[in-house]
N, C-alpha and C. Protein backbone atom coordinates (compact mmCIF):
# COMPACT_ATOMS: atom_id res chain seq x y z
N MET A 1 5.64 -9.24 7.62
CA MET A 1 4.17 -8.95 8.66
C MET A 1 3.02 -9.06 7.87
N LYS A 2 1.93 -9.20 8.17
CA LYS A 2 0.51 -9.02 7.97
C LYS A 2 0.22 -7.74 8.08
N PHE A 3 -0.34 -6.97 7.19
CA PHE A 3 -1.08 -5.51 7.11
C PHE A 3 -1.64 -5.34 8.21
N GLU A 4 -2.65 -6.43 8.72
CA GLU A 4 -3.38 -6.44 9.81
C GLU A 4 -2.77 -5.97 11.22
N ASP A 5 -1.64 -6.34 11.35
CA ASP A 5 -0.51 -6.30 12.44
C ASP A 5 -0.60 -4.80 12.63
N MET A 6 -1.28 -3.55 11.93
CA MET A 6 -1.02 -2.39 12.19
C MET A 6 -2.55 -2.06 13.25
N LEU A 7 -3.18 -3.05 13.41
CA LEU A 7 -4.19 -2.58 14.12
C LEU A 7 -3.74 -2.40 15.74
N GLY A 8 -4.34 -1.32 15.95
CA GLY A 8 -3.86 -0.77 17.93
C GLY A 8 -2.88 -0.13 17.30
N LYS A 9 -2.00 0.22 16.48
CA LYS A 9 -0.50 1.05 16.40
C LYS A 9 -1.26 2.62 16.09
N THR A 10 -0.60 3.68 16.83
CA THR A 10 -0.62 4.90 16.56
C THR A 10 0.53 5.33 15.75
N LEU A 11 0.13 6.13 14.61
CA LEU A 11 1.04 6.54 13.92
C LEU A 11 1.43 8.02 14.19
N VAL A 12 2.76 8.49 14.20
CA VAL A 12 3.06 9.77 14.28
C VAL A 12 3.79 10.39 12.71
N SER A 13 3.90 9.68 11.81
CA SER A 13 4.35 10.11 10.67
C SER A 13 4.01 9.14 9.52
N ILE A 14 3.83 9.92 8.27
CA ILE A 14 3.67 8.83 7.08
C ILE A 14 4.16 9.69 5.73
N THR A 15 5.37 9.24 5.05
CA THR A 15 6.05 9.86 4.20
C THR A 15 5.73 8.67 2.97
N GLY A 16 5.85 9.77 1.79
CA GLY A 16 5.75 9.22 0.08
C GLY A 16 4.47 8.58 -0.19
N ALA A 17 3.27 9.05 0.66
CA ALA A 17 2.10 8.84 0.40
C ALA A 17 1.68 9.57 -0.83
N GLU A 18 1.89 9.39 -1.97
CA GLU A 18 1.56 10.27 -3.05
C GLU A 18 1.09 9.46 -4.21
N GLN A 19 0.36 9.69 -5.25
CA GLN A 19 0.17 9.16 -6.60
C GLN A 19 1.66 8.73 -7.50
N TYR A 20 1.61 7.46 -7.78
CA TYR A 20 2.61 7.00 -8.53
C TYR A 20 4.01 6.43 -7.67
N SER A 21 3.85 6.78 -6.43
CA SER A 21 4.85 6.58 -5.52
C SER A 21 4.83 4.78 -5.45
N ASP A 22 6.03 4.49 -5.24
CA ASP A 22 6.35 2.77 -5.28
C ASP A 22 6.97 2.42 -3.56
N HIS A 23 6.53 3.45 -2.73
CA HIS A 23 7.22 3.55 -1.59
C HIS A 23 6.24 4.17 -0.47
N ILE A 24 5.85 3.89 0.74
CA ILE A 24 5.32 4.43 1.39
C ILE A 24 5.78 4.38 2.89
N GLU A 25 6.32 4.86 3.86
CA GLU A 25 6.67 4.81 5.18
C GLU A 25 5.60 5.04 6.40
N PHE A 26 5.25 4.10 7.18
CA PHE A 26 4.34 4.55 8.23
C PHE A 26 5.18 4.39 9.37
N THR A 27 5.33 5.65 10.43
CA THR A 27 6.11 5.44 11.66
C THR A 27 5.00 5.66 12.80
N ASP A 28 5.70 4.41 13.94
CA ASP A 28 4.43 4.92 15.17
C ASP A 28 5.10 5.20 16.19
N THR A 29 4.16 5.59 17.28
CA THR A 29 4.56 6.32 18.83
C THR A 29 5.91 5.48 19.27
N GLU A 30 6.34 4.04 19.01
CA GLU A 30 7.21 3.56 19.70
C GLU A 30 8.88 3.51 18.69
N GLY A 31 8.62 4.25 17.47
CA GLY A 31 9.87 4.39 17.00
C GLY A 31 9.99 3.44 15.62
N CYS A 32 8.93 2.67 15.75
CA CYS A 32 9.00 1.65 14.57
C CYS A 32 8.53 2.11 13.14
N THR A 33 9.37 1.71 12.06
CA THR A 33 8.90 2.22 10.86
C THR A 33 8.58 1.05 9.99
N TYR A 34 7.44 1.01 9.39
CA TYR A 34 6.76 -0.09 8.62
C TYR A 34 6.49 0.30 7.23
N ILE A 35 7.04 -0.41 6.36
CA ILE A 35 7.15 0.22 4.59
C ILE A 35 6.43 -0.83 3.74
N MET A 36 5.61 -0.26 3.05
CA MET A 36 4.87 -0.42 2.12
C MET A 36 5.44 -0.33 0.62
N GLU A 37 6.10 -1.09 0.09
CA GLU A 37 6.50 -0.55 -1.37
C GLU A 37 6.73 -1.73 -2.38
N HIS A 38 7.35 -1.55 -3.44
CA HIS A 38 7.62 -2.41 -4.74
C HIS A 38 8.68 -2.23 -4.94
N SER A 39 9.57 -3.45 -5.18
CA SER A 39 10.46 -3.21 -5.95
C SER A 39 10.81 -3.55 -7.59
N GLN A 40 10.93 -2.41 -8.25
CA GLN A 40 10.58 -2.85 -9.68
C GLN A 40 11.55 -3.92 -10.45
N ASP A 41 10.79 -4.46 -11.34
CA ASP A 41 11.39 -5.75 -11.82
C ASP A 41 11.58 -5.55 -13.19
N CYS A 42 12.30 -6.21 -13.91
CA CYS A 42 11.90 -6.49 -15.49
C CYS A 42 10.50 -6.60 -15.44
N CYS A 43 9.92 -5.92 -16.73
CA CYS A 43 8.42 -6.85 -17.56
C CYS A 43 7.24 -6.92 -16.42
N GLU A 44 7.58 -5.48 -15.34
CA GLU A 44 6.42 -5.32 -14.74
C GLU A 44 6.53 -3.71 -13.85
N SER A 45 5.42 -3.60 -13.37
CA SER A 45 5.35 -1.94 -12.77
C SER A 45 4.27 -2.18 -11.89
N VAL A 46 4.73 -1.61 -10.30
CA VAL A 46 3.43 -1.37 -9.51
C VAL A 46 3.82 -0.50 -8.51
N SER A 47 2.53 0.77 -8.55
CA SER A 47 2.48 1.97 -7.99
C SER A 47 0.96 2.21 -7.30
N VAL A 48 1.35 3.27 -6.29
CA VAL A 48 0.10 3.76 -5.62
C VAL A 48 -0.82 4.46 -6.93
N GLU A 49 -1.66 3.75 -7.21
CA GLU A 49 -2.93 4.66 -8.45
C GLU A 49 -3.61 5.92 -7.57
N GLU A 50 -3.96 5.89 -6.77
CA GLU A 50 -4.72 6.83 -5.66
C GLU A 50 -4.53 6.53 -4.06
N ILE A 51 -4.78 7.56 -3.57
CA ILE A 51 -5.16 7.88 -2.29
C ILE A 51 -6.31 8.24 -1.74
N VAL A 52 -7.41 7.63 -1.22
CA VAL A 52 -8.67 8.09 -0.98
C VAL A 52 -8.94 8.78 0.75
N GLY A 53 -8.98 9.57 0.71
CA GLY A 53 -9.19 10.08 2.36
C GLY A 53 -8.09 10.58 2.95
N PRO A 54 -8.31 11.45 4.03
CA PRO A 54 -7.50 12.21 4.66
C PRO A 54 -6.52 11.54 5.47
N ILE A 55 -5.55 11.56 4.54
CA ILE A 55 -4.05 11.01 5.48
C ILE A 55 -3.80 11.56 7.09
N GLN A 56 -3.89 12.92 7.14
CA GLN A 56 -4.07 13.23 8.30
C GLN A 56 -4.73 12.91 9.37
N ALA A 57 -5.76 12.26 9.05
CA ALA A 57 -6.66 11.51 9.69
C ALA A 57 -6.11 10.17 10.34
N LEU A 58 -4.89 9.96 9.99
CA LEU A 58 -4.00 8.68 10.61
C LEU A 58 -3.21 9.14 11.65
N ILE A 59 -3.10 10.29 11.60
CA ILE A 59 -1.89 10.82 12.50
C ILE A 59 -2.56 10.71 13.89
N GLY A 60 -1.85 10.16 14.73
CA GLY A 60 -2.44 10.46 16.28
C GLY A 60 -2.80 9.71 16.95
N SER A 61 -4.05 9.20 16.44
CA SER A 61 -5.09 8.12 16.91
C SER A 61 -4.94 6.58 16.91
N PRO A 62 -5.40 5.70 17.21
CA PRO A 62 -4.80 4.28 17.51
C PRO A 62 -5.73 3.95 16.15
N ILE A 63 -4.97 2.84 15.65
CA ILE A 63 -5.47 2.22 13.99
C ILE A 63 -6.42 0.86 14.38
N LEU A 64 -7.95 1.41 13.89
CA LEU A 64 -9.04 0.00 14.23
C LEU A 64 -9.41 -0.51 13.42
N LEU A 65 -8.82 0.03 11.98
CA LEU A 65 -9.00 -0.67 10.75
C LEU A 65 -7.66 -0.96 9.92
N ALA A 66 -7.25 -2.02 9.63
CA ALA A 66 -6.24 -2.68 8.90
C ALA A 66 -6.42 -3.86 8.17
N GLU A 67 -6.76 -3.20 6.77
CA GLU A 67 -7.22 -4.43 5.69
C GLU A 67 -6.44 -4.59 4.46
N GLU A 68 -6.45 -5.64 3.86
CA GLU A 68 -5.61 -5.74 2.61
C GLU A 68 -6.75 -6.34 1.77
N VAL A 69 -7.08 -5.87 0.17
CA VAL A 69 -7.73 -6.60 -0.54
C VAL A 69 -7.29 -6.82 -1.96
N SER A 70 -6.67 -7.81 -2.49
CA SER A 70 -6.61 -7.43 -3.93
C SER A 70 -7.58 -8.48 -4.87
N SER A 71 -7.33 -7.69 -6.10
CA SER A 71 -8.65 -8.49 -7.29
C SER A 71 -8.00 -8.13 -8.66
N PRO A 72 -8.45 -8.86 -9.46
CA PRO A 72 -8.00 -8.38 -10.70
C PRO A 72 -8.34 -7.12 -11.28
N ALA A 73 -7.53 -6.48 -11.78
CA ALA A 73 -8.08 -4.97 -12.06
C ALA A 73 -8.70 -5.02 -13.44
N GLU A 74 -9.76 -4.64 -13.23
CA GLU A 74 -10.78 -4.16 -14.57
C GLU A 74 -10.99 -3.01 -14.82
N GLY A 75 -11.35 -2.82 -16.18
CA GLY A 75 -11.36 -1.30 -16.71
C GLY A 75 -10.28 -0.80 -17.34
N LYS A 76 -8.94 -1.63 -17.18
CA LYS A 76 -7.64 -0.64 -17.27
C LYS A 76 -7.05 -1.27 -18.78
N GLU A 77 -6.95 -0.39 -19.44
CA GLU A 77 -6.53 -0.65 -20.97
C GLU A 77 -5.48 0.29 -21.20
N ASN A 78 -4.74 -0.24 -22.44
CA ASN A 78 -3.83 0.32 -22.98
C ASN A 78 -2.71 0.32 -22.04
N THR A 79 -1.99 -0.67 -21.58
CA THR A 79 -1.20 -0.45 -20.69
C THR A 79 0.11 -0.88 -21.33
N GLU A 80 1.36 -1.11 -20.88
CA GLU A 80 2.14 -1.85 -21.16
C GLU A 80 2.50 -2.91 -21.47
N TYR A 81 1.63 -3.61 -20.27
CA TYR A 81 1.48 -5.03 -20.08
C TYR A 81 0.03 -5.40 -20.37
N SER A 82 -1.05 -4.77 -20.84
CA SER A 82 -2.32 -4.90 -20.80
C SER A 82 -2.75 -6.34 -21.25
N ASP A 83 -1.82 -7.14 -21.67
CA ASP A 83 -2.38 -8.76 -22.19
C ASP A 83 -2.36 -9.65 -21.28
N ASP A 84 -1.40 -8.88 -19.98
CA ASP A 84 -0.94 -9.81 -18.75
C ASP A 84 -1.78 -9.40 -17.51
N GLU A 85 -1.06 -9.92 -16.69
CA GLU A 85 -1.49 -10.05 -15.05
C GLU A 85 -1.79 -8.55 -14.91
N GLN A 86 -2.70 -8.20 -14.16
CA GLN A 86 -3.33 -6.73 -13.89
C GLN A 86 -3.78 -6.73 -12.41
N THR A 87 -3.29 -6.36 -11.39
CA THR A 87 -4.22 -6.23 -10.30
C THR A 87 -4.42 -4.91 -9.38
N TRP A 88 -5.39 -4.71 -9.18
CA TRP A 88 -5.70 -3.65 -7.79
C TRP A 88 -5.42 -4.30 -6.33
N THR A 89 -4.54 -3.72 -5.22
CA THR A 89 -4.41 -4.25 -4.08
C THR A 89 -4.85 -2.66 -3.45
N PHE A 90 -5.57 -2.78 -2.31
CA PHE A 90 -6.21 -1.84 -1.43
C PHE A 90 -5.56 -1.93 -0.27
N TYR A 91 -5.32 -1.07 0.64
CA TYR A 91 -4.81 -1.02 1.44
C TYR A 91 -5.65 -0.03 2.66
N LYS A 92 -6.20 -0.53 3.23
CA LYS A 92 -7.38 0.43 4.21
C LYS A 92 -7.19 0.44 5.56
N LEU A 93 -6.74 1.90 6.22
CA LEU A 93 -6.51 1.77 7.36
C LEU A 93 -7.36 3.07 7.73
N GLY A 94 -8.04 2.78 9.08
CA GLY A 94 -8.89 3.77 9.68
C GLY A 94 -9.04 3.92 11.13
N THR A 95 -9.37 5.03 11.40
CA THR A 95 -9.14 5.61 13.11
C THR A 95 -10.51 5.83 13.17
N LEU A 96 -10.60 6.34 14.58
CA LEU A 96 -11.95 7.08 15.06
C LEU A 96 -12.54 8.02 14.09
N GLU A 97 -11.51 8.92 13.65
CA GLU A 97 -11.60 9.83 12.80
C GLU A 97 -11.76 9.63 11.28
N ASP A 98 -11.10 8.81 10.64
CA ASP A 98 -11.56 8.51 9.40
C ASP A 98 -10.92 7.17 8.67
N THR A 99 -11.04 6.97 7.39
CA THR A 99 -10.58 5.95 6.83
C THR A 99 -9.67 6.28 5.57
N VAL A 100 -8.61 5.99 5.39
CA VAL A 100 -7.78 6.27 4.16
C VAL A 100 -7.92 4.94 3.48
N THR A 101 -7.78 4.97 2.26
CA THR A 101 -7.56 3.67 1.24
C THR A 101 -6.13 4.19 0.12
N PHE A 102 -5.21 3.37 0.23
CA PHE A 102 -4.07 3.26 -0.74
C PHE A 102 -4.36 2.44 -1.72
N ARG A 103 -4.68 2.81 -2.96
CA ARG A 103 -4.95 1.72 -3.97
C ARG A 103 -3.70 1.42 -4.85
N TRP A 104 -3.14 0.43 -4.93
CA TRP A 104 -1.97 0.16 -5.90
C TRP A 104 -2.85 -0.66 -6.97
N TYR A 105 -1.87 -0.24 -8.12
CA TYR A 105 -2.26 -0.90 -9.59
C TYR A 105 -0.71 -1.48 -10.03
N GLY A 106 -0.77 -2.94 -10.55
CA GLY A 106 0.33 -3.54 -10.78
C GLY A 106 0.13 -4.51 -12.20
N THR A 107 1.12 -4.33 -13.05
CA THR A 107 0.86 -5.18 -14.28
C THR A 107 2.26 -5.40 -14.25
N SER A 108 1.95 -6.74 -15.04
CA SER A 108 3.26 -7.59 -15.06
C SER A 108 3.02 -8.42 -16.59
N ASN A 109 3.77 -9.15 -16.93
CA ASN A 109 3.95 -10.13 -18.13
C ASN A 109 3.26 -11.54 -17.47
N GLY A 110 3.35 -11.86 -16.36
CA GLY A 110 2.50 -12.70 -15.76
C GLY A 110 3.68 -13.65 -14.60
N TYR A 111 4.75 -13.47 -14.97
CA TYR A 111 5.78 -14.02 -14.22
C TYR A 111 6.38 -13.09 -12.98
N TYR A 112 6.26 -11.88 -12.87
CA TYR A 112 6.70 -11.28 -11.57
C TYR A 112 5.23 -10.64 -10.59
N SER A 113 5.78 -10.28 -9.58
CA SER A 113 4.58 -9.89 -8.75
C SER A 113 3.96 -8.81 -9.16
N THR A 114 2.61 -8.59 -8.95
CA THR A 114 2.03 -7.59 -9.17
C THR A 114 1.11 -6.51 -7.85
N VAL A 115 1.94 -7.06 -6.52
CA VAL A 115 1.45 -6.73 -5.23
C VAL A 115 2.71 -6.06 -4.46
N PRO A 116 2.29 -4.98 -3.87
CA PRO A 116 3.45 -4.45 -2.99
C PRO A 116 3.83 -5.46 -1.67
N CYS A 117 5.04 -5.20 -1.30
CA CYS A 117 5.06 -5.82 0.12
C CYS A 117 5.03 -5.03 1.36
N PHE A 118 4.47 -5.57 2.62
CA PHE A 118 4.52 -4.62 3.87
C PHE A 118 5.24 -5.39 4.72
N TYR A 119 6.25 -4.25 5.55
CA TYR A 119 7.21 -5.40 6.31
C TYR A 119 7.62 -4.26 7.21
N LYS A 120 8.18 -4.62 8.83
CA LYS A 120 8.50 -3.46 9.31
C LYS A 120 9.84 -3.69 8.93
N LYS A 121 10.39 -2.47 9.21
CA LYS A 121 11.97 -1.82 8.63
C LYS A 121 12.64 -2.76 9.60
N GLY A 122 14.08 -3.45 8.60
CA GLY A 122 14.76 -4.10 9.35
C GLY A 122 14.38 -5.89 9.45
N GLU A 123 13.23 -6.23 9.19
CA GLU A 123 12.93 -7.29 9.24
C GLU A 123 12.04 -8.04 8.14
N ARG A 124 12.36 -7.24 6.65
CA ARG A 124 12.11 -7.29 5.22
C ARG A 124 11.63 -9.03 4.87
N TRP A 125 12.58 -10.04 5.17
CA TRP A 125 12.44 -11.39 4.99
C TRP A 125 12.83 -11.84 6.17
């Protein structure tokens, strides 16, 4: 599923949203759960680097902004895989109240993915 598919959904809970997490769950008013995660593999690491904005602003109001943006990570030095692939992935969710950005950071030897997956629970692949 595309992250943009969150538009119009009203969330009732968000769990796992904390720094260095590799798994966040969003549950909507219809009882559907959406998962943002990265299953770690050899020679790579992907996790939430930072959350900007009040998460509570996403609860109880329709999502009006759902955006995913990825780019090469610049300014990150001294990581285990610093000579290889590094990626920032920004997930932005917004309501009338406020916007929250979940910033993920991924490093890899270049062979493994450095971005999280987003899917509806029960429909991963």
